Amino acid sequence: MQILETLTLIVHVAAAISIIGLVLIQQGRGAEMGAGFGAGSSGTVFGSGGAGNFMTRLTTAIAIVFFVTSFGLAFFAKEKSVSAKTVGIPDVVQQQPAEETGGGQTGTNQSPIPTVQPSDSEIPEVNEETPAAGAGQDDTQSASDESK
């Protein structure tokens, strides 16, 4: 299978280089010097509508080969991705959640995160009876300040 893939890749690159070369060699239709001044061939925008010459047909054939090899390389890439999906990738093991026991904190907590009691905290408790700064101001005083 590796030999067939390598051969397909070589044909693909050769077709790509050939298409580039053939397109650069060909002269565009209506590319004569007088085409812009009304001396174009047979009065059409892109020249005569006759059958393509040898270079045009060769370019078409190589373009078809290029597309076929593109599909072939896509097939080989898909086959490699499917086989690589199962090789060398470890399975993810999910841990079961710790079961909580019925009442309160017991010494059997299996969690790696330590539990902190509210009394162990360094954050001071908020006294709800004391209003926060600016929360208890009288609105009438601020209204009288605005009228001045």
Protein backbone atom coordinates (compact mmCIF):
# COMPACT_ATOMS: atom_id res chain seq x y z
CA MET A 1 0.00 0.00 0.00
CA GLN A 2 2.92 2.34 0.74
CA ILE A 3 4.33 1.84 -2.78
CA LEU A 4 0.98 2.75 -4.36
CA GLU A 5 0.75 5.89 -2.23
CA THR A 6 4.28 6.96 -3.16
CA LEU A 7 3.58 6.35 -6.85
CA THR A 8 0.35 8.37 -6.62
CA LEU A 9 2.22 11.22 -4.93
CA ILE A 10 4.91 11.26 -7.65
CA VAL A 11 2.27 11.35 -10.40
CA HIS A 12 0.42 14.10 -8.53
CA VAL A 13 3.49 16.34 -8.25
CA ALA A 14 4.44 15.68 -11.89
CA ALA A 15 0.90 16.59 -12.99
CA ALA A 16 0.97 19.80 -10.97
CA ILE A 17 4.30 20.88 -12.46
CA SER A 18 3.10 19.94 -15.97
CA ILE A 19 -0.09 21.98 -15.60
CA ILE A 20 1.90 25.00 -14.47
CA GLY A 21 4.28 24.67 -17.40
CA LEU A 22 1.54 24.14 -20.00
CA VAL A 23 -0.50 27.09 -18.80
CA LEU A 24 2.52 29.37 -18.88
CA ILE A 25 3.52 28.22 -22.39
CA GLN A 26 0.07 28.64 -23.94
CA GLN A 27 -0.88 31.93 -25.49
CA GLY A 28 -4.24 33.28 -24.39
CA ARG A 29 -7.03 33.63 -26.95
CA GLY A 30 -7.20 37.12 -28.34
CA ALA A 31 -3.71 37.89 -27.07
CA GLU A 32 -2.53 39.25 -30.41
CA MET A 33 -1.34 42.83 -30.50
CA GLY A 34 -4.30 44.15 -32.47
CA ALA A 35 -6.99 42.38 -30.40
CA GLY A 36 -7.59 45.46 -28.29
CA PHE A 37 -8.08 47.66 -31.38
CA GLY A 38 -10.77 45.67 -33.16
CA ALA A 39 -8.50 43.29 -35.07
CA GLY A 40 -9.51 40.26 -32.98
CA SER A 41 -10.28 37.00 -34.69
CA SER A 42 -13.84 36.43 -35.94
CA GLY A 43 -15.41 39.21 -33.88
CA THR A 44 -15.79 37.27 -30.60
CA VAL A 45 -14.43 38.40 -27.28
CA PHE A 46 -12.21 35.37 -26.68
CA GLY A 47 -11.32 34.48 -30.25
CA SER A 48 -12.82 31.79 -32.39
CA GLY A 49 -14.96 29.15 -30.79
CA GLY A 50 -13.41 26.26 -32.69
CA ALA A 51 -12.01 23.06 -31.26
CA GLY A 52 -9.04 23.32 -28.91
CA ASN A 53 -5.57 22.62 -30.16
CA PHE A 54 -3.16 19.97 -28.90
CA MET A 55 -1.90 22.04 -25.93
CA THR A 56 -5.43 22.73 -24.67
CA ARG A 57 -6.38 19.07 -24.83
CA LEU A 58 -3.13 18.03 -23.14
CA THR A 59 -3.75 20.52 -20.33
CA THR A 60 -7.27 19.16 -19.85
CA ALA A 61 -6.02 15.56 -19.69
CA ILE A 62 -3.31 16.40 -17.16
CA ALA A 63 -5.82 18.36 -15.07
CA ILE A 64 -8.04 15.28 -14.93
CA VAL A 65 -5.05 13.17 -13.82
CA PHE A 66 -4.32 15.81 -11.15
CA PHE A 67 -7.88 15.61 -9.77
CA VAL A 68 -7.87 11.80 -9.76
CA THR A 69 -4.55 11.68 -7.88
CA SER A 70 -5.93 14.27 -5.42
CA PHE A 71 -8.81 11.94 -4.62
CA GLY A 72 -6.39 9.03 -4.31
CA LEU A 73 -4.18 10.91 -1.87
CA ALA A 74 -7.24 11.91 0.17
CA PHE A 75 -8.24 8.24 0.36
CA PHE A 76 -4.75 7.25 1.58
CA ALA A 77 -4.79 10.03 4.18
CA LYS A 78 -8.16 8.87 5.49
CA GLU A 79 -6.95 5.29 5.79
CA LYS A 80 -3.91 6.45 7.76
CA SER A 81 -6.03 8.55 10.11
CA VAL A 82 -8.37 5.64 10.84
CA SER A 83 -5.47 3.30 11.62
CA ALA A 84 -3.67 5.96 13.71
CA LYS A 85 -6.80 6.51 15.73
CA THR A 86 -6.35 3.22 17.58
CA VAL A 87 -2.55 3.00 17.78
CA GLY A 88 -0.50 4.67 20.49
CA ILE A 89 -3.24 6.81 22.01
CA PRO A 90 -4.00 5.90 25.61
CA ASP A 91 -7.59 5.64 26.74
CA VAL A 92 -8.86 8.32 29.10
CA VAL A 93 -9.85 6.88 32.44
CA GLN A 94 -12.53 8.85 34.24
CA GLN A 95 -12.64 8.79 38.01
CA GLN A 96 -15.84 7.94 39.78
CA PRO A 97 -17.23 10.82 41.88
CA ALA A 98 -16.81 10.39 45.63
CA GLU A 99 -19.95 9.19 47.32
CA GLU A 100 -21.20 11.51 50.02
CA THR A 101 -22.28 10.02 53.29
CA GLY A 102 -25.47 11.10 54.95
CA GLY A 103 -24.57 13.40 57.83
CA GLY A 104 -21.97 16.12 57.91
CA GLN A 105 -18.21 15.91 57.73
CA THR A 106 -16.58 12.61 58.52
CA GLY A 107 -12.96 11.60 58.29
CA THR A 108 -13.57 9.37 55.25
CA ASN A 109 -13.42 12.11 52.59
CA GLN A 110 -11.45 10.66 49.66
CA SER A 111 -11.26 13.98 47.77
CA PRO A 112 -7.76 15.33 47.03
CA ILE A 113 -9.09 18.84 47.75
CA PRO A 114 -8.98 19.62 51.47
CA THR A 115 -12.15 20.85 53.11
CA VAL A 116 -11.94 24.18 54.94
CA GLN A 117 -14.17 24.93 57.89
CA PRO A 118 -15.57 28.50 58.13
CA SER A 119 -13.70 28.98 61.42
CA ASP A 120 -10.36 28.24 59.67
CA SER A 121 -10.82 31.10 57.21
CA GLU A 122 -8.72 34.28 57.44
CA ILE A 123 -11.51 36.35 55.86
CA PRO A 124 -13.42 38.31 58.51
CA GLU A 125 -17.12 37.71 58.82
CA VAL A 126 -19.49 40.45 57.69
CA ASN A 127 -21.78 41.81 60.35
CA GLU A 128 -25.13 42.26 58.67
CA GLU A 129 -26.37 44.80 61.27
CA THR A 130 -23.69 47.34 60.32
CA PRO A 131 -24.43 48.90 56.91
CA ALA A 132 -21.71 49.00 54.30
CA ALA A 133 -20.00 52.31 53.53
CA GLY A 134 -22.47 54.76 51.99
CA ALA A 135 -25.41 52.39 52.17
CA GLY A 136 -27.31 54.20 54.95
CA GLN A 137 -27.07 57.83 53.78
CA ASP A 138 -30.17 59.95 53.70
CA ASP A 139 -31.36 60.83 50.17
CA THR A 140 -32.87 64.14 51.36
CA GLN A 141 -29.45 65.48 52.30
CA SER A 142 -28.05 64.82 48.81
CA ALA A 143 -31.11 66.46 47.25
CA SER A 144 -30.59 69.60 49.35
CA ASP A 145 -26.92 69.69 48.27
CA GLU A 146 -27.96 69.72 44.61
CA SER A 147 -30.34 72.68 45.09
CA LYS A 148 -27.57 74.91 46.40
